[in-house]
Protein backbone atom coordinates (compact mmCIF):
# COMPACT_ATOMS: atom_id res chain seq x y z
CA MET A 1 -11.46 64.04 -58.41
CA PRO A 2 -13.31 61.18 -59.74
CA ILE A 3 -12.29 61.32 -63.58
CA ARG A 4 -8.90 60.90 -64.50
CA THR A 5 -6.57 60.86 -67.75
CA GLU A 6 -5.57 57.46 -68.02
CA LEU A 7 -2.06 56.99 -70.15
CA ALA A 8 -1.94 53.63 -72.12
CA LEU A 9 0.99 52.31 -73.95
CA ARG A 10 2.44 49.08 -75.23
CA LEU A 11 5.48 47.78 -73.77
CA PRO A 12 8.13 45.06 -75.09
CA ASN A 13 8.01 41.54 -73.29
CA SER A 14 11.74 42.36 -72.13
CA PRO A 15 13.31 42.69 -68.64
CA GLY A 16 13.34 46.25 -67.70
CA ALA A 17 10.83 47.59 -69.97
CA LEU A 18 8.19 48.72 -66.96
CA ALA A 19 11.00 49.78 -65.16
CA GLY A 20 12.36 52.12 -67.62
CA VAL A 21 9.04 53.60 -68.05
CA CYS A 22 9.00 54.20 -64.19
CA ARG A 23 12.47 55.44 -64.20
CA LEU A 24 11.61 57.99 -66.96
CA LEU A 25 8.15 59.22 -64.88
CA ALA A 26 10.48 59.43 -61.60
CA ASP A 27 13.20 61.71 -63.07
CA ASP A 28 10.76 63.78 -64.42
CA ARG A 29 8.94 63.74 -60.63
CA VAL A 30 5.75 62.52 -61.90
CA ASN A 31 4.11 60.15 -59.31
CA LEU A 32 2.05 57.01 -60.11
CA LEU A 33 -1.30 56.53 -58.38
CA ALA A 34 -2.29 53.47 -60.15
CA LEU A 35 -0.91 50.97 -63.20
CA SER A 36 -1.82 47.73 -64.65
CA LEU A 37 0.39 45.68 -67.07
CA ASP A 38 -1.40 42.76 -68.72
CA THR A 39 0.72 39.82 -70.44
CA GLY A 40 0.15 41.48 -73.93
CA GLY A 41 2.23 44.52 -72.58
CA GLN A 42 -0.81 46.77 -72.57
CA LEU A 43 0.33 49.52 -69.76
CA ARG A 44 -2.20 51.63 -68.12
CA LEU A 45 -1.10 54.46 -65.70
CA ILE A 46 -2.89 56.91 -63.52
CA VAL A 47 -0.35 59.52 -62.56
CA ASP A 48 -0.46 63.07 -60.73
CA ASN A 49 0.38 64.99 -63.94
CA PRO A 50 -0.83 63.21 -66.95
CA VAL A 51 0.29 66.17 -69.49
CA ARG A 52 3.64 66.04 -68.28
CA ALA A 53 4.02 62.37 -68.17
CA ALA A 54 2.54 62.08 -71.88
CA SER A 55 5.28 64.29 -73.28
CA VAL A 56 8.15 62.60 -71.38
CA LEU A 57 6.94 59.24 -72.80
CA ARG A 58 6.35 60.96 -76.03
CA GLU A 59 9.87 62.46 -76.11
CA GLN A 60 10.83 58.46 -75.58
CA HIS A 61 9.13 57.43 -78.64
CA HIS A 62 6.34 55.55 -76.78
CA GLN A 63 2.76 55.91 -78.60
CA VAL A 64 0.75 57.15 -75.94
CA ALA A 65 -3.22 56.98 -75.59
CA GLU A 66 -5.43 59.17 -73.32
CA ARG A 67 -8.45 58.30 -71.92
CA ASN A 68 -10.63 59.53 -69.15
CA VAL A 69 -11.45 56.86 -66.66
CA LEU A 70 -13.30 56.92 -63.39
CA PHE A 71 -10.91 56.97 -60.35
CA THR A 72 -12.39 56.75 -56.86
CA THR A 73 -11.60 55.21 -53.67
CA VAL A 74 -13.86 52.67 -51.63
CA PRO A 75 -13.43 51.43 -48.08
CA ASN A 76 -10.92 48.51 -47.84
CA GLY A 77 -13.18 45.68 -46.94
CA PRO A 78 -15.54 42.84 -48.06
CA GLY A 79 -17.82 43.61 -50.37
CA ALA A 80 -16.92 47.63 -50.80
CA LEU A 81 -16.69 47.39 -54.81
CA ALA A 82 -20.49 45.89 -55.00
CA PRO A 83 -22.42 48.78 -54.36
CA VAL A 84 -20.45 50.94 -56.68
CA LEU A 85 -20.52 48.54 -59.63
CA ALA A 86 -24.27 47.88 -59.06
CA LEU A 87 -25.12 51.67 -59.61
CA VAL A 88 -23.05 51.63 -62.78
CA ALA A 89 -24.55 48.35 -63.98
CA ASP A 90 -27.97 49.90 -63.03
CA ALA A 91 -27.15 52.82 -65.29
CA ALA A 92 -26.45 50.20 -68.26
CA ILE A 93 -22.88 51.47 -68.23
CA ASN A 94 -20.50 48.59 -69.30
CA VAL A 95 -17.20 48.36 -67.37
CA GLU A 96 -14.63 47.43 -70.26
CA TYR A 97 -11.94 46.80 -67.77
CA ALA A 98 -11.08 47.67 -64.28
CA TYR A 99 -8.26 47.62 -61.56
CA ALA A 100 -7.69 48.37 -57.71
CA SER A 101 -5.52 48.13 -55.25
CA SER A 102 -4.81 49.06 -51.48
CA ALA A 103 -2.09 47.92 -48.94
CA GLU A 104 -2.76 45.89 -46.28
CA GLY A 105 -4.32 47.84 -43.34
CA ASN A 106 -5.37 50.73 -45.49
CA ARG A 107 -8.83 51.90 -44.81
CA THR A 108 -9.35 52.56 -48.38
CA ALA A 109 -8.82 50.94 -51.89
CA ALA A 110 -8.11 53.01 -55.47
CA LEU A 111 -10.36 51.61 -58.03
CA VAL A 112 -10.06 52.57 -61.39
CA LEU A 113 -12.87 51.73 -64.24
CA GLY A 114 -12.58 51.83 -67.94
CA VAL A 115 -15.86 52.90 -69.28
CA ASP A 116 -17.24 54.30 -72.60
CA ASP A 117 -18.39 57.37 -70.21
CA ALA A 118 -16.52 58.26 -67.47
CA ALA A 119 -18.68 61.28 -66.45
CA ARG A 120 -21.89 59.36 -66.71
CA ALA A 121 -20.65 56.60 -64.66
CA ALA A 122 -19.06 58.77 -62.00
CA ALA A 123 -22.63 60.44 -61.81
CA ALA A 124 -24.10 57.04 -61.78
CA ALA A 125 -21.80 55.94 -59.05
CA GLY A 126 -22.27 59.07 -56.62
CA VAL A 127 -18.63 60.07 -56.89
């Protein structure tokens, strides 16, 4: 599914803050598919069950924002992101932020694009 719900919350810059969120989700059997944490404490999560994850986090007094993002896989190799990003750019869609990852040796990489219209970006990218 190319469009996923991303959960975003602010974490304090303190030891164990990220570990605590990950433990909360693990205890409720929510699987992390992707995450990004910046130096300002902005945590972005893609999970297998965003409804459950948001509920668990809110029960622990986290303020959680939800947003649709483009979540897709691309081949894991040099230049694989360029065609996807070119299609999005050609459709005049601005990429506000992105994060991606793949383990060494994997054939594919996971890509998250934060855009103002995830459905239009998915259509433009052909995913």
